[in-house]
């Protein structure tokens, strides 16, 4: 398998989606679609949003098929993979592989998009058309019920460059790009084959892909540089803007004591980034000025909490000297920073959240008024994109309220509870590795981790699929193939399979 990504044409992607959906009812392996309920959507950046969740800028929002899979499962807010002036082969030479490790908490040493910026742009536009198509043709929601959010970095000079400026302008309005025209023509050519999408629907697909941006800066970026980028995007580009914040704003002592107290004392980091990164005393007045500016311009401003947390490579986890921590161990830091800034601004500062969000804490985060919420680590676990279905359904059952400020007390309570939450505290008995110890074949290499961990290798995925389809007698026959006493063993040792899978949580 090559470590260089090869992009597929829009026609190929569309044919793949249609064929797989018609034959299997799935799209890029996501078996259960999420269908948005009309009238439950919220509004942000002047546009509708059917669910306030989606993939964070990272491996799950890089290619068109990544975005499509997220949408089919329930994601509706897409923070697109970061673009910067260095791209393609030049960037690939700086990133060692493998660059992600997500056994429990997650670590990575990747940067921005591995594609060239024009390729990334085309992937996002192809995804825009595919989502519009699926929304209408498969009844998943409104054609304008989702949003794209670009992530740009890493300094003002790079963002002002011709390459990134062209990317921003084309994402604001892609109507004159060749890929936009190509996607529309391909859909129009097949329109007669569609059951629900009409030519009028295709012609109505908006070229205005994106009206918001999230700023990503490198560690050590001066506060005046960060503010300069935000002002540029607000005043010259007219974009709603989020600024990514780092957990380093909390200070070294808080981060060290928090992680030590939760069992993450083995995670190594020094004081350097806490002293070199944006300081809390500089951040607060900056955010105040940007809130005032955006208000005058009729735009929305907020912070993205949080970017990943730099830690040292001590046990050869990844081929790098430093890596970025995320997931369950980042959650107590991220939610603490969200609570601290919310209290500082009386709940008026808008917060987009990312940092260990998953199905188990999403209700508390969004319930406090913190959304949109984007995720990466949970999508890298067993279950993948399908986890969005559980997350979206949880939120829709709970109900999402229009943003009227953050409930500071609720967020403060959530941050306190995170310190003792068993889902985030490192267990004394470390979880077993979910990777199989067996050599997998070249093709048909899928194996369920729960089956691998089961002492008798019960065909769990097979009987679960049959049970899901209501074929209960056949499911029982599969169980009895290897298990003569399923009631007894199912009562005694189900935990082995459950701990090895945890597909949805």
Protein backbone atom coordinates (compact mmCIF):
# COMPACT_ATOMS: atom_id res chain seq x y z
CA UNK A 1 0.00 0.00 0.00
CA UNK A 2 1.38 3.40 -0.95
CA UNK A 3 1.66 6.21 1.59
CA UNK A 4 0.88 8.70 -1.18
CA UNK A 5 -2.82 9.51 -1.56
CA UNK A 6 -4.35 9.22 -5.03
CA UNK A 7 -7.51 11.21 -5.61
CA UNK A 8 -10.47 9.70 -7.44
CA UNK A 9 -12.53 11.54 -10.03
CA UNK A 10 -15.99 12.78 -9.12
CA UNK A 11 -17.54 10.32 -11.58
CA UNK A 12 -15.74 7.41 -9.90
CA UNK A 13 -16.84 8.54 -6.45
CA UNK A 14 -20.44 9.05 -7.51
CA UNK A 15 -20.60 5.64 -9.20
CA UNK A 16 -19.10 4.00 -6.11
CA UNK A 17 -21.60 5.67 -3.79
CA UNK A 18 -24.58 4.79 -5.97
CA UNK A 19 -23.53 1.20 -6.59
CA UNK A 20 -22.69 0.39 -2.98
CA UNK A 21 -25.85 2.06 -1.70
CA UNK A 22 -28.10 0.24 -4.17
CA UNK A 23 -26.45 -3.15 -3.63
CA UNK A 24 -25.67 -3.10 0.09
CA UNK A 25 -27.44 -0.11 1.62
CA UNK A 26 -24.09 1.23 2.81
CA UNK A 27 -21.76 4.02 1.69
CA UNK A 28 -17.98 3.57 2.00
CA UNK A 29 -18.60 0.85 4.57
CA UNK A 30 -20.98 2.88 6.75
CA UNK A 31 -23.99 0.60 7.08
CA UNK A 32 -26.53 2.66 8.99
CA UNK A 33 -27.43 6.12 7.68
CA UNK A 34 -28.53 9.01 9.86
CA UNK A 35 -31.64 10.79 8.62
CA UNK A 36 -32.05 14.31 9.92
CA UNK A 37 -35.49 15.27 11.18
CA UNK A 38 -36.87 18.42 9.61
CA UNK A 39 -37.39 21.29 12.00
CA UNK A 40 -34.67 20.27 14.47
CA UNK A 41 -31.78 22.05 12.77
CA UNK A 42 -29.90 24.97 14.30
CA UNK A 43 -28.26 28.01 12.70
CA UNK A 44 -24.65 29.13 12.77
CA UNK A 45 -22.86 31.54 10.44
CA UNK A 46 -26.23 32.38 8.93
CA UNK A 47 -26.68 28.85 7.60
CA UNK A 48 -28.60 25.76 8.70
CA UNK A 49 -26.94 22.89 10.55
CA UNK A 50 -28.80 19.62 11.11
CA UNK A 51 -26.42 18.23 13.72
CA UNK A 52 -23.69 20.21 15.49
CA UNK A 53 -21.05 17.49 15.09
CA UNK A 54 -18.57 16.27 12.52
CA UNK A 55 -14.94 15.36 11.88
CA UNK A 56 -12.13 17.60 13.11
CA UNK A 57 -9.42 18.80 10.76
CA UNK A 58 -7.38 15.65 10.48
CA UNK A 59 -7.26 12.24 8.82
CA UNK A 60 -11.06 11.98 8.83
CA UNK A 61 -11.68 15.08 6.71
CA UNK A 62 -8.93 14.90 4.12
CA UNK A 63 -10.43 13.07 1.14
CA UNK A 64 -13.90 13.37 -0.35
CA UNK A 65 -14.80 9.83 0.72
CA UNK A 66 -13.84 10.64 4.34
CA UNK A 67 -16.33 13.49 4.37
CA UNK A 68 -19.00 11.41 2.63
CA UNK A 69 -18.71 8.61 5.19
CA UNK A 70 -19.00 11.11 8.06
CA UNK A 71 -22.11 12.65 6.54
CA UNK A 72 -23.83 9.32 5.91
CA UNK A 73 -23.32 8.41 9.56
CA UNK A 74 -24.60 11.71 10.97
CA UNK A 75 -21.89 14.36 10.79
CA UNK A 76 -23.03 17.74 9.50
CA UNK A 77 -20.23 20.18 10.48
CA UNK A 78 -16.99 19.47 8.64
CA UNK A 79 -13.76 21.08 9.77
CA UNK A 80 -11.70 20.43 6.68
CA UNK A 81 -8.09 19.28 6.86
CA UNK A 82 -5.77 22.26 7.36
CA UNK A 83 -4.06 23.80 4.33
CA UNK A 84 -0.85 25.81 4.40
CA UNK A 85 1.68 27.11 1.90
CA UNK A 86 3.88 24.00 2.28
CA UNK A 87 2.09 21.02 0.74
CA UNK A 88 2.40 17.83 -1.27
CA UNK A 89 5.83 16.25 -1.64
CA UNK A 90 7.53 19.06 0.29
CA UNK A 91 5.38 18.41 3.33
CA UNK A 92 5.54 14.62 2.97
CA UNK A 93 9.32 14.81 3.32
CA UNK A 94 8.87 16.37 6.76
CA UNK A 95 6.36 13.87 8.16
CA UNK A 96 7.48 10.43 9.28
CA UNK A 97 5.18 7.43 8.88
CA UNK A 98 3.35 5.94 10.67
CA UNK A 99 2.14 9.24 12.09
CA UNK A 100 -0.89 8.19 14.20
CA UNK A 101 -1.24 5.83 17.15
CA UNK A 102 -4.63 5.44 18.82
CA UNK A 103 -4.53 2.35 21.05
CA UNK A 104 -6.19 4.20 23.95
CA UNK A 105 -5.49 7.93 24.08
CA UNK A 106 -4.20 9.11 20.72
CA UNK A 107 -0.85 10.46 19.51
CA UNK A 108 0.11 11.88 16.14
CA UNK A 109 3.00 13.62 14.45
CA UNK A 110 1.18 14.76 11.32
CA UNK A 111 0.59 18.33 10.17
CA UNK A 112 -1.69 19.69 7.48
CA UNK A 113 -3.13 18.12 4.34
CA UNK A 114 -0.84 15.65 2.60
CA UNK A 115 -2.27 16.73 -0.76
CA UNK A 116 -1.29 19.75 -2.78
CA UNK A 117 -3.58 22.66 -1.91
CA UNK A 118 -5.40 22.64 -5.30
CA UNK A 119 -6.00 18.90 -4.84
CA UNK A 120 -7.39 19.49 -1.36
CA UNK A 121 -9.69 22.16 -2.75
CA UNK A 122 -11.00 19.76 -5.40
CA UNK A 123 -11.59 17.04 -2.80
CA UNK A 124 -13.71 19.40 -0.70
CA UNK A 125 -15.75 20.56 -3.70
CA UNK A 126 -16.35 16.96 -4.81
CA UNK A 127 -17.51 16.15 -1.30
CA UNK A 128 -19.84 19.19 -1.36
CA UNK A 129 -21.61 17.81 -4.42
CA UNK A 130 -21.73 14.24 -3.11
CA UNK A 131 -23.32 15.35 0.15
CA UNK A 132 -25.89 17.44 -1.71
CA UNK A 133 -26.67 14.43 -3.89
CA UNK A 134 -27.04 12.01 -0.98
CA UNK A 135 -29.14 14.45 1.04
CA UNK A 136 -31.75 14.63 -1.70
CA UNK A 137 -31.51 11.21 -3.37
CA UNK A 138 -31.37 9.15 -0.16
CA UNK A 139 -33.55 11.39 2.03
CA UNK A 140 -30.82 12.08 4.59
CA UNK A 141 -31.72 15.72 5.15
CA UNK A 142 -31.80 19.11 3.47
CA UNK A 143 -29.37 19.93 0.69
CA UNK A 144 -28.30 22.95 2.74
CA UNK A 145 -28.32 21.22 6.14
CA UNK A 146 -24.56 20.81 6.50
CA UNK A 147 -21.58 23.17 6.60
CA UNK A 148 -17.92 23.14 5.64
CA UNK A 149 -15.37 25.02 7.74
CA UNK A 150 -11.90 25.56 6.29
CA UNK A 151 -8.81 25.33 8.49
CA UNK A 152 -5.90 27.53 7.44
CA UNK A 153 -2.38 28.02 8.79
CA UNK A 154 0.20 28.69 9.89
CA UNK A 155 1.19 32.36 9.61
CA UNK A 156 -0.20 35.51 8.05
CA UNK A 157 2.35 35.59 5.23
CA UNK A 158 1.43 32.06 4.19
CA UNK A 159 -2.30 32.75 4.38
CA UNK A 160 -1.85 35.89 2.29
CA UNK A 161 0.12 33.94 -0.36
CA UNK A 162 -1.37 33.50 -3.81
CA UNK A 163 -1.81 29.75 -3.25
CA UNK A 164 -3.80 30.03 -0.02
CA UNK A 165 -5.62 33.19 -1.10
CA UNK A 166 -6.86 31.38 -4.21
CA UNK A 167 -7.97 28.45 -2.05
CA UNK A 168 -9.93 30.74 0.30
CA UNK A 169 -11.61 32.63 -2.53
CA UNK A 170 -12.55 29.42 -4.34
CA UNK A 171 -14.00 27.94 -1.16
CA UNK A 172 -16.04 31.10 -0.66
CA UNK A 173 -17.37 30.77 -4.21
CA UNK A 174 -16.33 27.82 -6.35
CA UNK A 175 -18.62 28.59 -9.27
CA UNK A 176 -15.82 29.36 -11.73
CA UNK A 177 -13.57 26.43 -10.82
CA UNK A 178 -13.20 23.58 -13.27
CA UNK A 179 -14.01 20.95 -10.64
CA UNK A 180 -17.30 22.66 -9.72
CA UNK A 181 -18.34 22.68 -13.36
CA UNK A 182 -17.26 19.07 -13.81
CA UNK A 183 -19.22 17.83 -10.79
CA UNK A 184 -22.36 19.61 -11.93
CA UNK A 185 -22.04 18.24 -15.47
CA UNK A 186 -21.57 14.67 -14.22
CA UNK A 187 -24.68 14.92 -12.06
CA UNK A 188 -26.71 16.48 -14.85
CA UNK A 189 -25.63 13.71 -17.24
CA UNK A 190 -27.01 11.08 -14.84
CA UNK A 191 -30.04 13.04 -13.65
CA UNK A 192 -32.50 10.84 -15.55
CA UNK A 193 -31.33 7.85 -13.48
CA UNK A 194 -32.04 9.47 -10.11
CA UNK A 195 -35.23 8.75 -8.21
CA UNK A 196 -35.49 11.95 -6.21
CA UNK A 197 -32.83 14.44 -7.28
CA UNK A 198 -33.92 16.55 -10.24
CA UNK A 199 -32.03 18.72 -12.70
CA UNK A 200 -33.42 21.72 -10.87
CA UNK A 201 -31.92 20.42 -7.61
CA UNK A 202 -28.54 20.00 -9.29
CA UNK A 203 -28.62 23.48 -10.79
CA UNK A 204 -29.51 24.85 -7.34
CA UNK A 205 -26.38 23.49 -5.61
CA UNK A 206 -24.71 26.58 -4.21
CA UNK A 207 -21.16 27.46 -5.28
CA UNK A 208 -20.66 29.16 -1.90
CA UNK A 209 -18.96 26.22 -0.23
CA UNK A 210 -17.74 27.89 2.92
CA UNK A 211 -18.12 31.17 4.85
CA UNK A 212 -16.13 30.30 7.98
CA UNK A 213 -12.52 29.53 8.88
CA UNK A 214 -10.60 28.07 11.79
CA UNK A 215 -7.09 29.42 12.33
CA UNK A 216 -4.37 26.90 13.08
CA UNK A 217 -0.97 28.21 14.17
CA UNK A 218 2.26 26.49 15.11
CA UNK A 219 3.33 26.32 18.73
CA UNK A 220 5.16 29.50 19.73
CA UNK A 221 3.20 31.74 17.34
CA UNK A 222 3.24 35.32 18.77
CA UNK A 223 -0.13 36.74 19.91
CA UNK A 224 0.09 39.66 17.49
CA UNK A 225 0.47 37.18 14.62
CA UNK A 226 -2.61 35.23 15.69
CA UNK A 227 -4.64 38.41 16.03
CA UNK A 228 -3.36 39.64 12.66
CA UNK A 229 -4.58 36.47 10.93
CA UNK A 230 -7.99 36.73 12.63
CA UNK A 231 -8.37 40.38 11.65
CA UNK A 232 -7.38 39.55 8.08
CA UNK A 233 -9.99 36.79 7.77
CA UNK A 234 -12.69 38.95 9.38
CA UNK A 235 -12.07 42.26 7.63
CA UNK A 236 -10.56 41.35 4.26
CA UNK A 237 -12.13 37.94 3.66
CA UNK A 238 -15.43 38.52 5.45
CA UNK A 239 -15.32 35.09 7.08
CA UNK A 240 -16.73 33.98 10.41
CA UNK A 241 -13.63 33.01 12.35
CA UNK A 242 -12.49 30.64 15.09
CA UNK A 243 -9.02 30.71 16.65
CA UNK A 244 -7.57 27.38 17.78
CA UNK A 245 -6.33 27.46 21.37
CA UNK A 246 -3.89 25.11 23.06
CA UNK A 247 -4.16 23.49 26.51
CA UNK A 248 -0.91 25.27 27.31
CA UNK A 249 -3.10 28.28 28.23
CA UNK A 250 -3.85 26.42 31.48
CA UNK A 251 -0.24 26.49 32.64
CA UNK A 252 2.27 23.70 33.24
CA UNK A 253 1.38 23.00 36.87
CA UNK A 254 -2.34 22.56 36.14
CA UNK A 255 -1.71 20.23 33.20
CA UNK A 256 0.87 18.15 35.06
CA UNK A 257 -1.22 17.79 38.23
CA UNK A 258 -4.37 16.96 36.25
CA UNK A 259 -2.78 14.23 34.15
CA UNK A 260 -0.83 12.79 37.09
CA UNK A 261 -4.00 12.61 39.18
CA UNK A 262 -5.84 10.77 36.41
CA UNK A 263 -3.17 8.11 35.90
CA UNK A 264 -1.37 9.68 32.93
CA UNK A 265 1.84 10.31 34.85
CA UNK A 266 3.80 8.47 32.15
CA UNK A 267 3.02 11.20 29.58
CA UNK A 268 6.15 13.34 29.42
CA UNK A 269 6.32 17.06 28.67
CA UNK A 270 8.34 20.01 29.87
CA UNK A 271 7.66 23.68 30.48
CA UNK A 272 8.90 24.95 27.13
CA UNK A 273 5.59 25.10 25.23
CA UNK A 274 3.77 26.52 28.24
CA UNK A 275 6.21 29.42 28.29
CA UNK A 276 6.60 29.78 24.51
CA UNK A 277 2.94 29.48 23.42
CA UNK A 278 0.20 32.09 23.68
CA UNK A 279 -0.21 33.20 27.29
CA UNK A 280 -3.57 33.46 29.03
CA UNK A 281 -2.92 37.11 29.91
CA UNK A 282 -2.45 37.92 26.21
CA UNK A 283 -5.27 35.69 24.96
CA UNK A 284 -8.14 37.18 26.97
CA UNK A 285 -7.80 40.82 25.82
CA UNK A 286 -7.15 39.61 22.26
CA UNK A 287 -10.37 37.60 22.22
CA UNK A 288 -12.23 40.58 23.62
CA UNK A 289 -10.98 42.82 20.81
CA UNK A 290 -11.85 40.25 18.16
CA UNK A 291 -15.34 39.76 19.60
CA UNK A 292 -15.89 43.50 19.38
CA UNK A 293 -14.54 43.67 15.82
CA UNK A 294 -16.64 40.77 14.58
CA UNK A 295 -19.74 42.29 16.14
CA UNK A 296 -19.19 45.52 14.21
CA UNK A 297 -18.74 43.54 10.99
CA UNK A 298 -21.84 41.41 11.53
CA UNK A 299 -19.73 38.27 11.72
CA UNK A 300 -19.28 35.57 14.35
CA UNK A 301 -16.03 35.04 16.25
CA UNK A 302 -15.06 32.32 18.68
CA UNK A 303 -12.34 30.00 19.83
CA UNK A 304 -11.71 26.38 18.94
CA UNK A 305 -10.85 24.38 22.08
CA UNK A 306 -8.45 22.75 21.80
CA UNK A 307 -5.63 21.99 19.47
CA UNK A 308 -3.56 18.93 20.29
CA UNK A 309 -1.14 18.86 23.21
CA UNK A 310 2.64 18.45 22.51
CA UNK A 311 4.35 15.69 24.50
CA UNK A 312 7.69 13.89 24.28
CA UNK A 313 8.26 10.57 22.54
CA UNK A 314 9.73 8.39 25.28
CA UNK A 315 8.85 4.80 24.36
CA UNK A 316 9.20 4.85 20.59
CA UNK A 317 5.46 5.39 20.12
CA UNK A 318 6.02 7.24 16.83
CA UNK A 319 9.09 7.98 14.67
CA UNK A 320 9.49 11.51 16.00
CA UNK A 321 10.99 13.39 18.95
CA UNK A 322 7.70 15.07 19.78
CA UNK A 323 4.10 14.05 19.18
CA UNK A 324 0.67 15.51 19.80
CA UNK A 325 -1.68 13.95 22.34
CA UNK A 326 -5.46 13.85 21.91
CA UNK A 327 -8.49 11.79 22.89
CA UNK A 328 -9.50 10.71 26.39
CA UNK A 329 -6.44 12.23 28.11
CA UNK A 330 -6.92 15.58 26.35
CA UNK A 331 -10.57 15.84 27.40
CA UNK A 332 -10.02 16.96 31.04
CA UNK A 333 -7.63 19.69 29.87
CA UNK A 334 -9.81 20.88 26.97
CA UNK A 335 -13.02 21.00 28.97
CA UNK A 336 -11.19 22.80 31.81
CA UNK A 337 -9.99 25.48 29.39
CA UNK A 338 -13.50 25.79 27.93
CA UNK A 339 -14.89 26.30 31.43
CA UNK A 340 -12.20 28.85 32.35
CA UNK A 341 -12.70 30.98 29.24
CA UNK A 342 -16.48 30.74 29.53
CA UNK A 343 -16.31 32.07 33.06
CA UNK A 344 -13.90 34.82 31.93
CA UNK A 345 -16.35 36.06 29.31
CA UNK A 346 -19.57 35.37 31.17
CA UNK A 347 -20.60 32.69 28.68
CA UNK A 348 -20.60 35.14 25.74
CA UNK A 349 -17.50 33.80 23.97
CA UNK A 350 -18.53 31.23 21.38
CA UNK A 351 -16.63 27.95 21.66
CA UNK A 352 -16.23 25.28 19.02
CA UNK A 353 -15.04 22.15 20.80
CA UNK A 354 -12.64 19.35 20.00
CA UNK A 355 -10.60 17.37 22.50
CA UNK A 356 -11.73 13.91 23.55
CA UNK A 357 -15.38 14.40 22.60
CA UNK A 358 -17.29 11.16 22.08
CA UNK A 359 -20.67 9.52 22.58
CA UNK A 360 -20.22 9.40 26.34
CA UNK A 361 -19.66 13.11 26.93
CA UNK A 362 -21.29 14.78 23.93
CA UNK A 363 -24.54 15.46 25.81
CA UNK A 364 -22.76 17.39 28.57
CA UNK A 365 -20.67 19.43 26.13
CA UNK A 366 -23.50 20.47 23.82
CA UNK A 367 -25.97 20.72 26.70
CA UNK A 368 -23.84 23.51 28.17
CA UNK A 369 -24.08 25.46 24.91
CA UNK A 370 -20.71 24.45 23.46
CA UNK A 371 -21.05 23.57 19.77
CA UNK A 372 -20.18 22.76 17.03
CA UNK A 373 -18.15 19.77 18.23
CA UNK A 374 -15.63 18.05 15.98
CA UNK A 375 -13.87 14.73 16.60
CA UNK A 376 -10.92 12.67 15.43
CA UNK A 377 -9.72 10.13 18.01
CA UNK A 378 -13.07 8.41 18.53
CA UNK A 379 -13.36 7.90 14.75
CA UNK A 380 -10.03 6.08 14.73
CA UNK A 381 -11.38 3.42 17.09
CA UNK A 382 -13.39 0.29 16.15
CA UNK A 383 -16.66 1.43 14.62
CA UNK A 384 -15.08 4.36 12.85
CA UNK A 385 -17.43 6.83 11.19
CA UNK A 386 -20.48 4.82 12.28
CA UNK A 387 -19.94 6.27 15.77
CA UNK A 388 -21.42 9.51 14.46
CA UNK A 389 -24.82 7.81 14.26
CA UNK A 390 -24.92 7.15 17.98
CA UNK A 391 -23.63 10.65 18.71
CA UNK A 392 -26.15 12.36 16.41
CA UNK A 393 -29.06 10.30 17.73
CA UNK A 394 -28.06 11.07 21.33
CA UNK A 395 -28.10 14.79 20.61
CA UNK A 396 -31.36 14.75 18.70
CA UNK A 397 -33.09 12.84 21.51
CA UNK A 398 -31.72 15.35 23.99
CA UNK A 399 -32.51 18.35 21.83
CA UNK A 400 -30.04 21.05 20.81
CA UNK A 401 -30.91 24.61 21.78
CA UNK A 402 -30.10 27.69 19.69
CA UNK A 403 -26.93 29.35 20.87
CA UNK A 404 -27.72 32.05 23.43
CA UNK A 405 -24.49 31.86 25.38
CA UNK A 406 -22.76 29.13 27.36
CA UNK A 407 -24.15 27.96 30.69
CA UNK A 408 -21.02 28.55 32.75
CA UNK A 409 -22.12 26.58 35.80
CA UNK A 410 -22.95 23.48 33.74
CA UNK A 411 -19.60 23.64 31.98
CA UNK A 412 -17.73 24.14 35.25
CA UNK A 413 -19.49 21.08 36.69
CA UNK A 414 -18.64 19.02 33.60
CA UNK A 415 -14.96 19.98 33.90
CA UNK A 416 -14.92 18.91 37.55
CA UNK A 417 -16.64 15.59 36.81
CA UNK A 418 -14.10 14.82 34.06
CA UNK A 419 -11.36 14.41 36.67
CA UNK A 420 -12.99 11.29 38.11
CA UNK A 421 -14.94 10.05 35.08
CA UNK A 422 -14.02 6.35 34.67
CA UNK A 423 -14.16 6.74 30.90
CA UNK A 424 -11.34 9.27 31.03
CA UNK A 425 -9.27 8.19 34.01
CA UNK A 426 -6.53 5.76 33.01
CA UNK A 427 -7.48 2.35 34.43
CA UNK A 428 -5.05 0.61 36.77
CA UNK A 429 -5.30 -2.44 34.52
CA UNK A 430 -4.31 -1.23 31.10
CA UNK A 431 -6.73 -2.12 28.30
CA UNK A 432 -5.74 -5.00 26.07
CA UNK A 433 -4.50 -4.16 22.59
CA UNK A 434 -7.25 -4.51 20.01
CA UNK A 435 -4.86 -5.38 17.20
CA UNK A 436 -4.77 -9.01 16.19
CA UNK A 437 -1.61 -11.00 16.78
CA UNK A 438 -2.31 -13.13 13.71
CA UNK A 439 -1.00 -12.43 10.23
CA UNK A 440 -3.91 -11.26 8.07
CA UNK A 441 -4.29 -12.32 4.42
CA UNK A 442 -3.67 -9.91 1.58
CA UNK A 443 -7.38 -9.68 0.71
CA UNK A 444 -10.50 -10.15 2.86
CA UNK A 445 -8.31 -9.13 5.78
CA UNK A 446 -11.09 -7.91 8.07
CA UNK A 447 -11.22 -9.54 11.48
CA UNK A 448 -13.26 -8.35 14.43
CA UNK A 449 -11.14 -7.71 17.54
CA UNK A 450 -13.82 -9.25 19.77
CA UNK A 451 -13.60 -12.53 17.80
CA UNK A 452 -9.84 -12.50 18.03
CA UNK A 453 -9.97 -12.02 21.82
CA UNK A 454 -12.67 -14.67 22.37
CA UNK A 455 -11.12 -17.94 23.66
CA UNK A 456 -13.27 -20.02 21.29
CA UNK A 457 -13.25 -17.39 18.51
CA UNK A 458 -17.02 -17.09 18.46
CA UNK A 459 -18.29 -15.69 15.13
CA UNK A 460 -19.60 -12.57 16.82
CA UNK A 461 -19.81 -10.21 13.84
CA UNK A 462 -21.72 -12.81 11.82
CA UNK A 463 -24.43 -13.50 14.36
CA UNK A 464 -24.77 -9.82 15.22
CA UNK A 465 -25.37 -9.03 11.56
CA UNK A 466 -28.00 -11.77 11.32
CA UNK A 467 -29.69 -10.57 14.50
CA UNK A 468 -29.71 -7.01 13.18
CA UNK A 469 -31.55 -8.30 10.10
CA UNK A 470 -34.07 -10.16 12.29
CA UNK A 471 -32.79 -13.62 11.25
CA UNK A 472 -32.65 -14.89 14.81
CA UNK A 473 -32.77 -18.63 14.16
CA UNK A 474 -29.84 -18.38 11.74
CA UNK A 475 -27.98 -16.24 14.30
CA UNK A 476 -28.48 -18.98 16.91
CA UNK A 477 -27.18 -21.60 14.49
CA UNK A 478 -24.00 -19.57 13.99
CA UNK A 479 -23.55 -19.33 17.76
CA UNK A 480 -24.04 -23.06 18.23
CA UNK A 481 -21.41 -23.83 15.58
CA UNK A 482 -18.71 -23.16 18.17
CA UNK A 483 -20.51 -22.65 21.43
CA UNK A 484 -22.50 -25.52 22.94
CA UNK A 485 -23.43 -23.58 26.07
CA UNK A 486 -24.06 -19.99 24.89
CA UNK A 487 -26.25 -18.96 27.82
CA UNK A 488 -23.62 -19.91 30.39
CA UNK A 489 -20.59 -18.60 28.51
CA UNK A 490 -22.48 -15.49 27.40
CA UNK A 491 -23.23 -14.66 31.01
CA UNK A 492 -19.75 -15.43 32.33
CA UNK A 493 -17.32 -14.12 29.73
CA UNK A 494 -19.10 -11.54 27.57
CA UNK A 495 -16.82 -8.89 29.04
CA UNK A 496 -13.84 -10.20 27.05
CA UNK A 497 -15.53 -9.46 23.75
CA UNK A 498 -17.06 -6.21 24.98
CA UNK A 499 -13.71 -4.83 26.17
CA UNK A 500 -12.06 -5.76 22.90
CA UNK A 501 -14.70 -4.07 20.76
CA UNK A 502 -16.52 -1.09 22.24
CA UNK A 503 -17.45 -0.26 18.66
CA UNK A 504 -19.85 2.53 19.46
CA UNK A 505 -18.41 3.97 22.67
